[in-house]
PDB file of all heavy atoms in Angstrom:
ATOM      1  N   ASP A   1     103.454  90.020  89.100  1.00  0.00           N
ATOM      2  CA  ASP A   1     104.395  88.909  88.918  1.00  0.00           C
ATOM      3  C   ASP A   1     104.211  87.796  89.944  1.00  0.00           C
ATOM      4  O   ASP A   1     104.979  86.837  89.987  1.00  0.00           O
ATOM      5  CB  ASP A   1     105.842  89.410  88.939  1.00  0.00           C
ATOM      6  CG  ASP A   1     106.233  90.040  90.280  1.00  0.00           C
ATOM      7  OD1 ASP A   1     105.440  89.964  91.254  1.00  0.00           O
ATOM      8  OD2 ASP A   1     107.332  90.622  90.362  1.00  0.00           O
ATOM      9  N   GLY A   2     103.184  87.921  90.808  1.00  0.00           N
ATOM     10  CA  GLY A   2     102.890  86.866  91.775  1.00  0.00           C
ATOM     11  C   GLY A   2     103.393  87.129  93.180  1.00  0.00           C
ATOM     12  O   GLY A   2     102.994  86.436  94.120  1.00  0.00           O
ATOM     13  N   ARG A   3     104.262  88.110  93.369  1.00  0.00           N
ATOM     14  CA  ARG A   3     104.723  88.429  94.721  1.00  0.00           C
ATOM     15  C   ARG A   3     103.561  88.991  95.543  1.00  0.00           C
ATOM     16  O   ARG A   3     102.681  89.646  95.004  1.00  0.00           O
ATOM     17  CB  ARG A   3     105.865  89.443  94.678  1.00  0.00           C
ATOM     18  CG  ARG A   3     107.200  88.869  94.194  1.00  0.00           C
ATOM     19  CD  ARG A   3     108.267  89.949  94.180  1.00  0.00           C
ATOM     20  NE  ARG A   3     107.949  90.980  93.183  1.00  0.00           N
ATOM     21  CZ  ARG A   3     108.492  92.198  93.164  1.00  0.00           C
ATOM     22  NH1 ARG A   3     109.344  92.550  94.121  1.00  0.00           N
ATOM     23  NH2 ARG A   3     108.182  93.061  92.207  1.00  0.00           N
ATOM     24  N   ARG A   4     103.574  88.722  96.856  1.00  0.00           N
ATOM     25  CA  ARG A   4     102.500  89.194  97.713  1.00  0.00           C
ATOM     26  C   ARG A   4     103.013  89.450  99.129  1.00  0.00           C
ATOM     27  O   ARG A   4     103.970  88.822  99.590  1.00  0.00           O
ATOM     28  CB  ARG A   4     101.331  88.212  97.733  1.00  0.00           C
ATOM     29  CG  ARG A   4     101.665  86.822  98.230  1.00  0.00           C
ATOM     30  CD  ARG A   4     100.509  85.866  97.961  1.00  0.00           C
ATOM     31  NE  ARG A   4      99.341  86.166  98.779  1.00  0.00           N
ATOM     32  CZ  ARG A   4      98.097  86.073  98.341  1.00  0.00           C
ATOM     33  NH1 ARG A   4      97.841  85.720  97.101  1.00  0.00           N
ATOM     34  NH2 ARG A   4      97.076  86.338  99.143  1.00  0.00           N
ATOM     35  N   TRP A   5     102.368  90.367  99.788  1.00  0.00           N
ATOM     36  CA  TRP A   5     102.657  90.691 101.184  1.00  0.00           C
ATOM     37  C   TRP A   5     101.350  90.556 101.956  1.00  0.00           C
ATOM     38  O   TRP A   5     100.324  91.099 101.556  1.00  0.00           O
ATOM     39  CB  TRP A   5     103.199  92.113 101.311  1.00  0.00           C
ATOM     40  CG  TRP A   5     104.611  92.276 100.846  1.00  0.00           C
ATOM     41  CD1 TRP A   5     105.740  92.314 101.613  1.00  0.00           C
ATOM     42  CD2 TRP A   5     105.046  92.432  99.485  1.00  0.00           C
ATOM     43  NE1 TRP A   5     106.849  92.475 100.819  1.00  0.00           N
ATOM     44  CE2 TRP A   5     106.455  92.552  99.508  1.00  0.00           C
ATOM     45  CE3 TRP A   5     104.394  92.483  98.250  1.00  0.00           C
ATOM     46  CZ2 TRP A   5     107.209  92.714  98.346  1.00  0.00           C
ATOM     47  CZ3 TRP A   5     105.147  92.640  97.093  1.00  0.00           C
ATOM     48  CH2 TRP A   5     106.541  92.755  97.149  1.00  0.00           C
ATOM     49  N   GLU A   6     101.388  89.834 103.066  1.00  0.00           N
ATOM     50  CA  GLU A   6     100.192  89.565 103.863  1.00  0.00           C
ATOM     51  C   GLU A   6     100.188  90.420 105.127  1.00  0.00           C
ATOM     52  O   GLU A   6     101.241  90.806 105.645  1.00  0.00           O
ATOM     53  CB  GLU A   6     100.146  88.083 104.270  1.00  0.00           C
ATOM     54  CG  GLU A   6     100.135  87.107 103.104  1.00  0.00           C
ATOM     55  CD  GLU A   6      98.753  86.914 102.502  1.00  0.00           C
ATOM     56  OE1 GLU A   6      97.775  87.439 103.093  1.00  0.00           O
ATOM     57  OE2 GLU A   6      98.645  86.251 101.463  1.00  0.00           O
ATOM     58  N   ASP A   7      98.988  90.679 105.653  1.00  0.00           N
ATOM     59  CA  ASP A   7      98.792  91.353 106.940  1.00  0.00           C
ATOM     60  C   ASP A   7      99.564  92.663 107.049  1.00  0.00           C
ATOM     61  O   ASP A   7     100.243  92.929 108.045  1.00  0.00           O
ATOM     62  CB  ASP A   7      99.204  90.416 108.089  1.00  0.00           C
ATOM     63  CG  ASP A   7      98.301  89.197 108.175  1.00  0.00           C
ATOM     64  OD1 ASP A   7      97.105  89.318 107.878  1.00  0.00           O
ATOM     65  OD2 ASP A   7      98.810  88.111 108.528  1.00  0.00           O
ATOM     66  N   VAL A   8      99.475  93.482 106.031  1.00  0.00           N
ATOM     67  CA  VAL A   8     100.149  94.779 106.021  1.00  0.00           C
ATOM     68  C   VAL A   8      99.241  95.802 106.713  1.00  0.00           C
ATOM     69  O   VAL A   8      98.101  96.007 106.281  1.00  0.00           O
ATOM     70  CB  VAL A   8     100.438  95.235 104.578  1.00  0.00           C
ATOM     71  CG1 VAL A   8     101.103  96.622 104.582  1.00  0.00           C
ATOM     72  CG2 VAL A   8     101.324  94.224 103.859  1.00  0.00           C
ATOM     73  N   PRO A   9      99.684  96.450 107.793  1.00  0.00           N
ATOM     74  CA  PRO A   9      98.864  97.470 108.443  1.00  0.00           C
ATOM     75  C   PRO A   9      98.607  98.638 107.490  1.00  0.00           C
ATOM     76  O   PRO A   9      99.517  99.116 106.814  1.00  0.00           O
ATOM     77  CB  PRO A   9      99.717  97.909 109.641  1.00  0.00           C
ATOM     78  CG  PRO A   9     100.663  96.762 109.872  1.00  0.00           C
ATOM     79  CD  PRO A   9     100.955  96.217 108.504  1.00  0.00           C
ATOM     80  N   ALA A  10      97.373  99.110 107.445  1.00  0.00           N
ATOM     81  CA  ALA A  10      97.010 100.201 106.540  1.00  0.00           C
ATOM     82  C   ALA A  10      95.808 100.942 107.082  1.00  0.00           C
ATOM     83  O   ALA A  10      95.081 100.449 107.957  1.00  0.00           O
ATOM     84  CB  ALA A  10      96.706  99.650 105.147  1.00  0.00           C
ATOM     85  N   SER A  11      95.601 102.137 106.560  1.00  0.00           N
ATOM     86  CA  SER A  11      94.389 102.907 106.831  1.00  0.00           C
ATOM     87  C   SER A  11      93.733 103.182 105.483  1.00  0.00           C
ATOM     88  O   SER A  11      94.289 103.910 104.655  1.00  0.00           O
ATOM     89  CB  SER A  11      94.723 104.230 107.538  1.00  0.00           C
ATOM     90  OG  SER A  11      93.556 105.009 107.709  1.00  0.00           O
ATOM     91  N   VAL A  12      92.591 102.562 105.251  1.00  0.00           N
ATOM     92  CA  VAL A  12      91.895 102.695 103.969  1.00  0.00           C
ATOM     93  C   VAL A  12      90.866 103.809 104.089  1.00  0.00           C
ATOM     94  O   VAL A  12      89.890 103.683 104.828  1.00  0.00           O
ATOM     95  CB  VAL A  12      91.214 101.369 103.564  1.00  0.00           C
ATOM     96  CG1 VAL A  12      90.501 101.530 102.224  1.00  0.00           C
ATOM     97  CG2 VAL A  12      92.249 100.245 103.488  1.00  0.00           C
ATOM     98  N   GLN A  13      91.108 104.909 103.399  1.00  0.00           N
ATOM     99  CA  GLN A  13      90.214 106.055 103.413  1.00  0.00           C
ATOM    100  C   GLN A  13      89.507 106.166 102.065  1.00  0.00           C
ATOM    101  O   GLN A  13      89.802 105.418 101.140  1.00  0.00           O
ATOM    102  CB  GLN A  13      91.003 107.337 103.715  1.00  0.00           C
ATOM    103  CG  GLN A  13      91.796 107.281 105.007  1.00  0.00           C
ATOM    104  CD  GLN A  13      90.913 107.186 106.235  1.00  0.00           C
ATOM    105  OE1 GLN A  13      89.823 107.742 106.264  1.00  0.00           O
ATOM    106  NE2 GLN A  13      91.378 106.489 107.264  1.00  0.00           N
ATOM    107  N   SER A  14      88.591 107.111 101.951  1.00  0.00           N
ATOM    108  CA  SER A  14      87.792 107.222 100.728  1.00  0.00           C
ATOM    109  C   SER A  14      88.611 107.651  99.524  1.00  0.00           C
ATOM    110  O   SER A  14      88.288 107.317  98.389  1.00  0.00           O
ATOM    111  CB  SER A  14      86.642 108.210 100.937  1.00  0.00           C
ATOM    112  OG  SER A  14      87.145 109.500 101.237  1.00  0.00           O
ATOM    113  N   LYS A  15      89.715 108.378  99.752  1.00  0.00           N
ATOM    114  CA  LYS A  15      90.507 108.881  98.633  1.00  0.00           C
ATOM    115  C   LYS A  15      91.938 108.351  98.617  1.00  0.00           C
ATOM    116  O   LYS A  15      92.675 108.580  97.659  1.00  0.00           O
ATOM    117  CB  LYS A  15      90.533 110.412  98.654  1.00  0.00           C
ATOM    118  CG  LYS A  15      89.165 111.049  98.413  1.00  0.00           C
ATOM    119  CD  LYS A  15      89.279 112.557  98.349  1.00  0.00           C
ATOM    120  CE  LYS A  15      87.900 113.204  98.157  1.00  0.00           C
ATOM    121  NZ  LYS A  15      87.302 112.847  96.871  1.00  0.00           N
ATOM    122  N   ALA A  16      92.366 107.675  99.657  1.00  0.00           N
ATOM    123  CA  ALA A  16      93.748 107.197  99.707  1.00  0.00           C
ATOM    124  C   ALA A  16      93.869 106.031 100.677  1.00  0.00           C
ATOM    125  O   ALA A  16      93.073 105.892 101.605  1.00  0.00           O
ATOM    126  CB  ALA A  16      94.703 108.321 100.120  1.00  0.00           C
ATOM    127  N   ILE A  17      94.888 105.200 100.428  1.00  0.00           N
ATOM    128  CA  ILE A  17      95.255 104.122 101.340  1.00  0.00           C
ATOM    129  C   ILE A  17      96.609 104.483 101.941  1.00  0.00           C
ATOM    130  O   ILE A  17      97.588 104.663 101.211  1.00  0.00           O
ATOM    131  CB  ILE A  17      95.343 102.768 100.619  1.00  0.00           C
ATOM    132  CG1 ILE A  17      93.989 102.405  99.998  1.00  0.00           C
ATOM    133  CG2 ILE A  17      95.792 101.672 101.587  1.00  0.00           C
ATOM    134  CD1 ILE A  17      94.034 101.157  99.130  1.00  0.00           C
ATOM    135  N   PHE A  18      96.660 104.623 103.270  1.00  0.00           N
ATOM    136  CA  PHE A  18      97.892 104.982 103.963  1.00  0.00           C
ATOM    137  C   PHE A  18      98.610 103.701 104.389  1.00  0.00           C
ATOM    138  O   PHE A  18      98.027 102.868 105.081  1.00  0.00           O
ATOM    139  CB  PHE A  18      97.589 105.841 105.192  1.00  0.00           C
ATOM    140  CG  PHE A  18      97.030 107.196 104.866  1.00  0.00           C
ATOM    141  CD1 PHE A  18      95.698 107.346 104.508  1.00  0.00           C
ATOM    142  CD2 PHE A  18      97.827 108.318 104.903  1.00  0.00           C
ATOM    143  CE1 PHE A  18      95.175 108.585 104.201  1.00  0.00           C
ATOM    144  CE2 PHE A  18      97.318 109.575 104.601  1.00  0.00           C
ATOM    145  CZ  PHE A  18      95.987 109.710 104.244  1.00  0.00           C
ATOM    146  N   ILE A  19      99.875 103.558 103.989  1.00  0.00           N
ATOM    147  CA  ILE A  19     100.693 102.398 104.342  1.00  0.00           C
ATOM    148  C   ILE A  19     102.048 102.918 104.805  1.00  0.00           C
ATOM    149  O   ILE A  19     102.707 103.673 104.088  1.00  0.00           O
ATOM    150  CB  ILE A  19     100.867 101.443 103.150  1.00  0.00           C
ATOM    151  CG1 ILE A  19      99.513 100.873 102.714  1.00  0.00           C
ATOM    152  CG2 ILE A  19     101.841 100.311 103.484  1.00  0.00           C
ATOM    153  CD1 ILE A  19      99.560 100.044 101.446  1.00  0.00           C
ATOM    154  N   HIS A  20     102.472 102.527 106.008  1.00  0.00           N
ATOM    155  CA  HIS A  20     103.734 103.013 106.549  1.00  0.00           C
ATOM    156  C   HIS A  20     104.921 102.101 106.251  1.00  0.00           C
ATOM    157  O   HIS A  20     106.062 102.518 106.410  1.00  0.00           O
ATOM    158  CB  HIS A  20     103.621 103.214 108.065  1.00  0.00           C
ATOM    159  CG  HIS A  20     102.843 104.443 108.421  1.00  0.00           C
ATOM    160  ND1 HIS A  20     102.442 104.733 109.705  1.00  0.00           N
ATOM    161  CD2 HIS A  20     102.372 105.465 107.656  1.00  0.00           C
ATOM    162  CE1 HIS A  20     101.773 105.866 109.716  1.00  0.00           C
ATOM    163  NE2 HIS A  20     101.707 106.316 108.487  1.00  0.00           N
ATOM    164  N   ASP A  21     104.669 100.868 105.836  1.00  0.00           N
ATOM    165  CA  ASP A  21     105.776  99.962 105.526  1.00  0.00           C
ATOM    166  C   ASP A  21     106.291 100.260 104.120  1.00  0.00           C
ATOM    167  O   ASP A  21     105.876  99.648 103.142  1.00  0.00           O
ATOM    168  CB  ASP A  21     105.317  98.506 105.638  1.00  0.00           C
ATOM    169  CG  ASP A  21     106.497  97.536 105.553  1.00  0.00           C
ATOM    170  OD1 ASP A  21     107.627  97.983 105.234  1.00  0.00           O
ATOM    171  OD2 ASP A  21     106.295  96.334 105.806  1.00  0.00           O
ATOM    172  N   VAL A  22     107.219 101.212 104.038  1.00  0.00           N
ATOM    173  CA  VAL A  22     107.721 101.627 102.728  1.00  0.00           C
ATOM    174  C   VAL A  22     108.814 100.686 102.204  1.00  0.00           C
ATOM    175  O   VAL A  22     109.368 100.934 101.129  1.00  0.00           O
ATOM    176  CB  VAL A  22     108.243 103.078 102.775  1.00  0.00           C
ATOM    177  CG1 VAL A  22     107.106 104.046 103.040  1.00  0.00           C
ATOM    178  CG2 VAL A  22     109.335 103.242 103.824  1.00  0.00           C
ATOM    179  N   SER A  23     109.104  99.610 102.948  1.00  0.00           N
ATOM    180  CA  SER A  23     110.013  98.596 102.402  1.00  0.00           C
ATOM    181  C   SER A  23     109.316  97.780 101.315  1.00  0.00           C
ATOM    182  O   SER A  23     109.965  97.112 100.509  1.00  0.00           O
ATOM    183  CB  SER A  23     110.512  97.662 103.511  1.00  0.00           C
ATOM    184  OG  SER A  23     109.442  96.866 104.025  1.00  0.00           O
ATOM    185  N   ILE A  24     107.996  97.843 101.281  1.00  0.00           N
ATOM    186  CA  ILE A  24     107.226  97.185 100.224  1.00  0.00           C
ATOM    187  C   ILE A  24     107.276  98.068  98.979  1.00  0.00           C
ATOM    188  O   ILE A  24     106.922  99.253  99.040  1.00  0.00           O
ATOM    189  CB  ILE A  24     105.759  96.977 100.648  1.00  0.00           C
ATOM    190  CG1 ILE A  24     105.704  96.071 101.881  1.00  0.00           C
ATOM    191  CG2 ILE A  24     104.935  96.380  99.512  1.00  0.00           C
ATOM    192  CD1 ILE A  24     104.323  95.945 102.487  1.00  0.00           C
ATOM    193  N   PRO A  25     107.708  97.549  97.834  1.00  0.00           N
ATOM    194  CA  PRO A  25     107.830  98.368  96.619  1.00  0.00           C
ATOM    195  C   PRO A  25     106.474  98.585  95.947  1.00  0.00           C
ATOM    196  O   PRO A  25     106.172  98.002  94.902  1.00  0.00           O
ATOM    197  CB  PRO A  25     108.779  97.544  95.742  1.00  0.00           C
ATOM    198  CG  PRO A  25     108.514  96.126  96.147  1.00  0.00           C
ATOM    199  CD  PRO A  25     108.216  96.169  97.631  1.00  0.00           C
ATOM    200  N   LEU A  26     105.646  99.423  96.539  1.00  0.00           N
ATOM    201  CA  LEU A  26     104.302  99.667  96.011  1.00  0.00           C
ATOM    202  C   LEU A  26     104.391 100.413  94.681  1.00  0.00           C
ATOM    203  O   LEU A  26     105.080 101.436  94.577  1.00  0.00           O
ATOM    204  CB  LEU A  26     103.490 100.475  97.017  1.00  0.00           C
ATOM    205  CG  LEU A  26     101.986 100.549  96.779  1.00  0.00           C
ATOM    206  CD1 LEU A  26     101.348  99.169  96.940  1.00  0.00           C
ATOM    207  CD2 LEU A  26     101.339 101.539  97.749  1.00  0.00           C
ATOM    208  N   GLU A  27     103.678  99.904  93.674  1.00  0.00           N
ATOM    209  CA  GLU A  27     103.768 100.465  92.336  1.00  0.00           C
ATOM    210  C   GLU A  27     102.392 100.556  91.694  1.00  0.00           C
ATOM    211  O   GLU A  27     101.440  99.885  92.127  1.00  0.00           O
ATOM    212  CB  GLU A  27     104.675  99.602  91.452  1.00  0.00           C
ATOM    213  CG  GLU A  27     106.103  99.487  91.955  1.00  0.00           C
ATOM    214  CD  GLU A  27     106.899  98.470  91.156  1.00  0.00           C
ATOM    215  OE1 GLU A  27     106.616  97.261  91.286  1.00  0.00           O
ATOM    216  OE2 GLU A  27     107.781  98.902  90.391  1.00  0.00           O
ATOM    217  N   VAL A  28     102.310 101.383  90.634  1.00  0.00           N
ATOM    218  CA  VAL A  28     101.078 101.482  89.861  1.00  0.00           C
ATOM    219  C   VAL A  28     100.725 100.097  89.307  1.00  0.00           C
ATOM    220  O   VAL A  28     101.594  99.386  88.791  1.00  0.00           O
ATOM    221  CB  VAL A  28     101.242 102.484  88.701  1.00  0.00           C
ATOM    222  CG1 VAL A  28     100.022 102.448  87.774  1.00  0.00           C
ATOM    223  CG2 VAL A  28     101.454 103.892  89.246  1.00  0.00           C
ATOM    224  N   GLY A  29      99.469  99.709  89.446  1.00  0.00           N
ATOM    225  CA  GLY A  29      99.023  98.403  88.955  1.00  0.00           C
ATOM    226  C   GLY A  29      98.981  97.330  90.015  1.00  0.00           C
ATOM    227  O   GLY A  29      98.384  96.265  89.795  1.00  0.00           O
ATOM    228  N   ASP A  30      99.618  97.559  91.176  1.00  0.00           N
ATOM    229  CA  ASP A  30      99.525  96.595  92.270  1.00  0.00           C
ATOM    230  C   ASP A  30      98.087  96.539  92.787  1.00  0.00           C
ATOM    231  O   ASP A  30      97.343  97.521  92.705  1.00  0.00           O
ATOM    232  CB  ASP A  30     100.456  96.981  93.419  1.00  0.00           C
ATOM    233  CG  ASP A  30     101.923  96.775  93.068  1.00  0.00           C
ATOM    234  OD1 ASP A  30     102.204  96.180  92.011  1.00  0.00           O
ATOM    235  OD2 ASP A  30     102.787  97.233  93.839  1.00  0.00           O
ATOM    236  N   ILE A  31      97.711  95.399  93.342  1.00  0.00           N
ATOM    237  CA  ILE A  31      96.381  95.210  93.906  1.00  0.00           C
ATOM    238  C   ILE A  31      96.478  95.159  95.429  1.00  0.00           C
ATOM    239  O   ILE A  31      97.310  94.432  95.984  1.00  0.00           O
ATOM    240  CB  ILE A  31      95.717  93.911  93.387  1.00  0.00           C
ATOM    241  CG1 ILE A  31      95.521  93.982  91.874  1.00  0.00           C
ATOM    242  CG2 ILE A  31      94.384  93.671  94.099  1.00  0.00           C
ATOM    243  CD1 ILE A  31      94.540  95.041  91.413  1.00  0.00           C
ATOM    244  N   VAL A  32      95.636  95.929  96.094  1.00  0.00           N
ATOM    245  CA  VAL A  32      95.514  95.884  97.555  1.00  0.00           C
ATOM    246  C   VAL A  32      94.170  95.242  97.878  1.00  0.00           C
ATOM    247  O   VAL A  32      93.135  95.675  97.356  1.00  0.00           O
ATOM    248  CB  VAL A  32      95.610  97.282  98.173  1.00  0.00           C
ATOM    249  CG1 VAL A  32      95.352  97.227  99.678  1.00  0.00           C
ATOM    250  CG2 VAL A  32      96.974  97.903  97.900  1.00  0.00           C
ATOM    251  N   GLU A  33      94.185  94.199  98.701  1.00  0.00           N
ATOM    252  CA  GLU A  33      92.959  93.513  99.103  1.00  0.00           C
ATOM    253  C   GLU A  33      92.689  93.750 100.581  1.00  0.00           C
ATOM    254  O   GLU A  33      93.605  93.730 101.403  1.00  0.00           O
ATOM    255  CB  GLU A  33      93.067  92.003  98.862  1.00  0.00           C
ATOM    256  CG  GLU A  33      93.027  91.601  97.405  1.00  0.00           C
ATOM    257  CD  GLU A  33      92.966  90.091  97.223  1.00  0.00           C
ATOM    258  OE1 GLU A  33      93.278  89.357  98.197  1.00  0.00           O
ATOM    259  OE2 GLU A  33      92.619  89.649  96.120  1.00  0.00           O
ATOM    260  N   ARG A  34      91.399  93.941 100.891  1.00  0.00           N
ATOM    261  CA  ARG A  34      90.984  94.095 102.293  1.00  0.00           C
ATOM    262  C   ARG A  34      89.795  93.192 102.558  1.00  0.00           C
ATOM    263  O   ARG A  34      88.817  93.181 101.803  1.00  0.00           O
ATOM    264  CB  ARG A  34      90.609  95.547 102.593  1.00  0.00           C
ATOM    265  CG  ARG A  34      90.065  95.744 104.009  1.00  0.00           C
ATOM    266  CD  ARG A  34      89.883  97.196 104.378  1.00  0.00           C
ATOM    267  NE  ARG A  34      88.824  97.857 103.622  1.00  0.00           N
ATOM    268  CZ  ARG A  34      88.232  98.990 104.008  1.00  0.00           C
ATOM    269  NH1 ARG A  34      88.615  99.582 105.128  1.00  0.00           N
ATOM    270  NH2 ARG A  34      87.295  99.547 103.275  1.00  0.00           N
ATOM    271  N   ASP A  35      89.856  92.396 103.637  1.00  0.00           N
ATOM    272  CA  ASP A  35      88.753  91.539 104.049  1.00  0.00           C
ATOM    273  C   ASP A  35      87.833  92.324 104.975  1.00  0.00           C
ATOM    274  O   ASP A  35      88.272  92.831 106.009  1.00  0.00           O
ATOM    275  CB  ASP A  35      89.269  90.303 104.789  1.00  0.00           C
ATOM    276  CG  ASP A  35      90.133  89.416 103.901  1.00  0.00           C
ATOM    277  OD1 ASP A  35      89.898  89.396 102.683  1.00  0.00           O
ATOM    278  OD2 ASP A  35      91.055  88.766 104.440  1.00  0.00           O
ATOM    279  N   LEU A  36      86.566  92.426 104.610  1.00  0.00           N
ATOM    280  CA  LEU A  36      85.585  93.096 105.452  1.00  0.00           C
ATOM    281  C   LEU A  36      84.993  92.104 106.457  1.00  0.00           C
ATOM    282  O   LEU A  36      85.056  90.894 106.252  1.00  0.00           O
ATOM    283  CB  LEU A  36      84.470  93.680 104.585  1.00  0.00           C
ATOM    284  CG  LEU A  36      84.909  94.733 103.549  1.00  0.00           C
ATOM    285  CD1 LEU A  36      83.703  95.255 102.784  1.00  0.00           C
ATOM    286  CD2 LEU A  36      85.656  95.875 104.214  1.00  0.00           C
ATOM    287  N   PRO A  37      84.425  92.598 107.566  1.00  0.00           N
ATOM    288  CA  PRO A  37      83.822  91.691 108.558  1.00  0.00           C
ATOM    289  C   PRO A  37      82.749  90.784 107.958  1.00  0.00           C
ATOM    290  O   PRO A  37      82.506  89.684 108.455  1.00  0.00           O
ATOM    291  CB  PRO A  37      83.224  92.658 109.587  1.00  0.00           C
ATOM    292  CG  PRO A  37      84.052  93.890 109.465  1.00  0.00           C
ATOM    293  CD  PRO A  37      84.402  94.002 108.013  1.00  0.00           C
ATOM    294  N   SER A  38      82.094  91.228 106.880  1.00  0.00           N
ATOM    295  CA  SER A  38      81.061  90.428 106.212  1.00  0.00           C
ATOM    296  C   SER A  38      81.654  89.312 105.363  1.00  0.00           C
ATOM    297  O   SER A  38      80.921  88.567 104.728  1.00  0.00           O
ATOM    298  CB  SER A  38      80.213  91.335 105.314  1.00  0.00           C
ATOM    299  OG  SER A  38      81.026  91.922 104.308  1.00  0.00           O
ATOM    300  N   ARG A  39      82.987  89.221 105.335  1.00  0.00           N
ATOM    301  CA  ARG A  39      83.741  88.257 104.542  1.00  0.00           C
ATOM    302  C   ARG A  39      83.784  88.631 103.060  1.00  0.00           C
ATOM    303  O   ARG A  39      84.294  87.875 102.239  1.00  0.00           O
ATOM    304  CB  ARG A  39      83.203  86.828 104.732  1.00  0.00           C
ATOM    305  CG  ARG A  39      83.431  86.302 106.146  1.00  0.00           C
ATOM    306  CD  ARG A  39      82.767  84.964 106.390  1.00  0.00           C
ATOM    307  NE  ARG A  39      82.976  84.021 105.318  1.00  0.00           N
ATOM    308  CZ  ARG A  39      82.028  83.216 104.844  1.00  0.00           C
ATOM    309  NH1 ARG A  39      80.797  83.280 105.339  1.00  0.00           N
ATOM    310  NH2 ARG A  39      82.295  82.352 103.877  1.00  0.00           N
ATOM    311  N   VAL A  40      83.254  89.801 102.714  1.00  0.00           N
ATOM    312  CA  VAL A  40      83.458  90.336 101.368  1.00  0.00           C
ATOM    313  C   VAL A  40      84.901  90.807 101.265  1.00  0.00           C
ATOM    314  O   VAL A  40      85.470  91.341 102.216  1.00  0.00           O
ATOM    315  CB  VAL A  40      82.484  91.506 101.100  1.00  0.00           C
ATOM    316  CG1 VAL A  40      82.890  92.297  99.859  1.00  0.00           C
ATOM    317  CG2 VAL A  40      81.063  90.985 100.936  1.00  0.00           C
TER     318      VAL A  40
END
């Protein structure tokens, strides 16, 4: 629906993404973006 949260601390692992800010209503279908050092 266009809502977004920026700079959310997370741990991105091979099988799961750990996020401690549970005030964010994370749901199926949401997109998580991560910027790599290569700018990818």
